[in-house]
Amino acid sequence: MPKIKVPKERRKLITPEVMGGMINRAKTRKDKAVLVFYYIFGTRVSEAFTITKSDMWIYGDILYVKIKRSKTKGTFPKIDTLRAKTTTPFIHYLIAHWSEVQEGRLFDYGENSNTFRNKVWKLVKSVNPDAWVHIFRHTRNDAFRRKGYTAAQRMAWFGWVDPKTADKSYSHPSEKEIEQMGGDIE
């Protein structure tokens, strides 16, 4: 039987082990927090630019983040307040940075969004030359898909309008998942 190849995109998803290495190579608390933010929430780069100290809070064992969607096309409901358990792997880096910021933007790398994008892009490349910022969205969507979240739920989380985006563009089945296909047909 021929070997089924895993798509290139699947091989580039950020695993927890890879993420740990990226965090270890990041130089500052803010850099570590930015990486963790994208890893946990999978937002667009521009959506993190406007987050302020007051847009993030902890209630009980949940960290909440209010984001401003950069793409508002369509009428499909979008979640504007994302959340994650405070026990989520790596989240302590984000919480530590948030705790130290006095006021203003949480991830202040420059005066405008283009400077921010460039700094974040350079940060990701400096800790993992094979990664790019957008891969965090793919990684988070794939994690949600594996946990059984529907395309509609993922559309709301990521602010997507088209269901094809959740299942076609951002899904990366593993080699094991691909090999198991058809094994249960009677």
Protein backbone atom coordinates (compact mmCIF):
# COMPACT_ATOMS: atom_id res chain seq x y z
CA MET A 1 0.00 0.00 0.00
CA PRO A 2 1.46 3.42 -0.92
CA LYS A 3 2.42 5.80 1.90
CA ILE A 4 0.02 8.70 2.32
CA LYS A 5 1.87 11.99 2.59
CA VAL A 6 0.86 14.57 5.15
CA PRO A 7 0.29 17.99 3.57
CA LYS A 8 3.18 20.44 4.07
CA GLU A 9 0.94 22.78 6.08
CA ARG A 10 0.28 20.02 8.63
CA ARG A 11 3.97 19.52 9.25
CA LYS A 12 4.35 23.20 10.10
CA LEU A 13 1.67 23.46 12.79
CA ILE A 14 3.02 24.56 16.15
CA THR A 15 3.11 21.62 18.54
CA PRO A 16 3.40 22.18 22.30
CA GLU A 17 7.03 21.03 22.10
CA VAL A 18 7.83 23.50 19.32
CA MET A 19 6.01 26.24 21.23
CA GLY A 20 8.07 25.54 24.34
CA GLY A 21 11.24 25.95 22.31
CA MET A 22 9.99 29.18 20.77
CA ILE A 23 9.21 30.60 24.22
CA ASN A 24 12.65 29.59 25.49
CA ARG A 25 14.31 31.42 22.59
CA ALA A 26 12.23 34.60 23.08
CA LYS A 27 14.26 37.24 24.89
CA THR A 28 11.73 39.33 26.84
CA ARG A 29 8.62 38.74 28.91
CA LYS A 30 6.59 40.69 26.34
CA ASP A 31 7.95 38.58 23.46
CA LYS A 32 7.01 35.38 25.30
CA ALA A 33 3.55 36.81 26.05
CA VAL A 34 2.95 37.75 22.40
CA LEU A 35 3.87 34.26 21.21
CA VAL A 36 1.62 32.67 23.83
CA PHE A 37 -1.23 35.03 22.97
CA TYR A 38 -1.20 33.98 19.31
CA TYR A 39 -0.72 30.31 20.21
CA ILE A 40 -3.67 30.22 22.61
CA PHE A 41 -6.13 32.51 20.83
CA GLY A 42 -5.12 32.31 17.15
CA THR A 43 -6.17 35.89 16.41
CA ARG A 44 -5.14 37.92 13.41
CA VAL A 45 -1.96 39.94 13.94
CA SER A 46 -3.90 43.19 13.70
CA GLU A 47 -6.39 42.10 16.37
CA ALA A 48 -3.66 41.92 19.02
CA PHE A 49 -2.34 45.40 18.16
CA THR A 50 -5.24 47.23 19.83
CA ILE A 51 -5.55 45.13 23.00
CA THR A 52 -5.08 47.23 26.12
CA LYS A 53 -4.51 46.30 29.74
CA SER A 54 -8.23 46.78 30.45
CA ASP A 55 -9.23 44.47 27.56
CA MET A 56 -7.91 41.51 29.54
CA TRP A 57 -9.13 40.26 32.91
CA ILE A 58 -9.34 37.15 35.04
CA TYR A 59 -12.53 35.96 36.65
CA GLY A 60 -12.34 32.72 38.59
CA ASP A 61 -10.05 30.41 36.63
CA ILE A 62 -10.75 32.00 33.23
CA LEU A 63 -8.69 34.64 31.41
CA TYR A 64 -10.87 36.86 29.21
CA VAL A 65 -9.64 38.97 26.29
CA LYS A 66 -11.83 41.49 24.49
CA ILE A 67 -10.68 41.95 20.91
CA LYS A 68 -11.64 44.32 18.14
CA ARG A 69 -12.23 42.35 14.96
CA SER A 70 -10.20 43.62 12.04
CA LYS A 71 -12.55 42.07 9.50
CA THR A 72 -16.21 42.79 10.07
CA LYS A 73 -17.70 41.68 6.75
CA GLY A 74 -20.76 39.43 6.90
CA THR A 75 -23.49 38.85 9.40
CA PHE A 76 -22.32 35.58 10.94
CA PRO A 77 -21.95 36.03 14.74
CA LYS A 78 -18.42 36.66 15.93
CA ILE A 79 -17.09 36.21 19.43
CA ASP A 80 -15.53 39.47 20.62
CA THR A 81 -14.46 38.22 24.05
CA LEU A 82 -12.21 35.19 23.89
CA ARG A 83 -11.42 33.10 26.93
CA ALA A 84 -9.04 30.44 28.13
CA LYS A 85 -8.53 28.61 31.40
CA THR A 86 -5.73 29.97 33.53
CA THR A 87 -4.34 26.43 33.58
CA THR A 88 -3.85 26.39 29.80
CA PRO A 89 -0.24 25.45 28.95
CA PHE A 90 2.03 28.50 28.63
CA ILE A 91 -0.69 30.98 29.66
CA HIS A 92 1.29 32.00 32.74
CA TYR A 93 3.66 33.95 30.44
CA LEU A 94 0.73 36.00 29.16
CA ILE A 95 -0.68 36.56 32.63
CA ALA A 96 2.72 37.64 34.00
CA HIS A 97 3.12 40.23 31.23
CA TRP A 98 -0.45 41.48 31.62
CA SER A 99 0.11 41.85 35.38
CA GLU A 100 3.14 44.08 34.83
CA VAL A 101 1.65 46.40 32.20
CA GLN A 102 0.42 49.56 33.94
CA GLU A 103 -1.90 50.91 31.23
CA GLY A 104 -2.17 51.30 27.48
CA ARG A 105 -1.57 48.69 24.78
CA LEU A 106 -0.65 45.28 26.07
CA PHE A 107 1.78 44.53 23.25
CA ASP A 108 3.30 47.90 22.46
CA TYR A 109 5.93 47.46 19.74
CA GLY A 110 5.44 50.72 17.92
CA GLU A 111 3.19 53.61 17.11
CA ASN A 112 1.27 52.03 14.24
CA SER A 113 -0.03 48.66 13.12
CA ASN A 114 2.59 48.26 10.37
CA THR A 115 5.44 48.62 12.87
CA PHE A 116 3.65 46.13 15.12
CA ARG A 117 3.22 43.61 12.28
CA ASN A 118 6.90 43.88 11.33
CA LYS A 119 8.08 43.43 14.92
CA VAL A 120 5.85 40.42 15.49
CA TRP A 121 6.91 38.87 12.17
CA LYS A 122 10.59 39.34 13.09
CA LEU A 123 9.97 37.93 16.56
CA VAL A 124 8.38 34.74 15.21
CA LYS A 125 11.16 34.29 12.63
CA SER A 126 13.85 34.86 15.29
CA VAL A 127 12.53 32.04 17.48
CA ASN A 128 11.49 29.68 14.68
CA PRO A 129 12.67 30.40 11.12
CA ASP A 130 10.19 27.83 9.74
CA ALA A 131 7.15 29.50 11.35
CA TRP A 132 5.11 32.52 10.40
CA VAL A 133 2.58 34.42 12.50
CA HIS A 134 -0.48 33.17 10.65
CA ILE A 135 0.36 29.54 11.41
CA PHE A 136 -0.94 30.14 14.93
CA ARG A 137 -4.47 30.53 13.45
CA HIS A 138 -4.06 27.25 11.60
CA THR A 139 -2.75 25.59 14.76
CA ARG A 140 -5.63 26.82 16.94
CA ASN A 141 -8.29 25.91 14.36
CA ASP A 142 -6.82 22.43 14.02
CA ALA A 143 -6.81 21.99 17.82
CA PHE A 144 -10.46 23.06 17.98
CA ARG A 145 -11.36 20.72 15.10
CA ARG A 146 -9.69 17.78 16.85
CA LYS A 147 -11.68 18.55 20.03
CA GLY A 148 -14.90 18.33 18.02
CA TYR A 149 -15.82 22.00 17.69
CA THR A 150 -18.12 22.54 14.70
CA ALA A 151 -17.29 24.75 11.73
CA ALA A 152 -19.89 27.25 13.02
CA GLN A 153 -18.22 27.44 16.43
CA ARG A 154 -14.81 27.95 14.85
CA MET A 155 -16.23 30.59 12.49
CA ALA A 156 -17.51 32.55 15.49
CA TRP A 157 -14.19 32.27 17.34
CA PHE A 158 -12.02 33.35 14.41
CA GLY A 159 -14.45 35.87 12.90
CA TRP A 160 -14.84 34.00 9.61
CA VAL A 161 -17.82 34.42 7.29
CA ASP A 162 -17.46 31.40 5.00
CA PRO A 163 -17.74 27.88 6.48
CA LYS A 164 -15.27 26.62 3.87
CA THR A 165 -12.58 28.62 5.64
CA ALA A 166 -12.89 26.51 8.80
CA ASP A 167 -12.84 23.13 7.10
CA LYS A 168 -10.98 23.59 3.85
CA SER A 169 -8.37 26.29 4.29
CA TYR A 170 -7.51 25.79 7.95
CA SER A 171 -7.89 22.06 8.62
CA HIS A 172 -4.84 19.85 8.63
CA PRO A 173 -5.65 16.18 9.25
CA SER A 174 -2.81 14.17 10.72
CA GLU A 175 -1.23 11.25 8.93
CA LYS A 176 -2.97 8.89 11.37
CA GLU A 177 -6.37 10.51 10.68
CA ILE A 178 -5.83 10.17 6.94
CA GLU A 179 -4.73 6.54 7.20
CA GLN A 180 -7.79 5.66 9.35
CA MET A 181 -10.22 6.97 6.73
CA GLY A 182 -12.32 4.20 5.27
CA GLY A 183 -11.24 1.69 7.91
CA ASP A 184 -14.72 1.60 9.43
CA ILE A 185 -16.74 1.26 6.21
CA GLU A 186 -18.78 -1.93 6.17
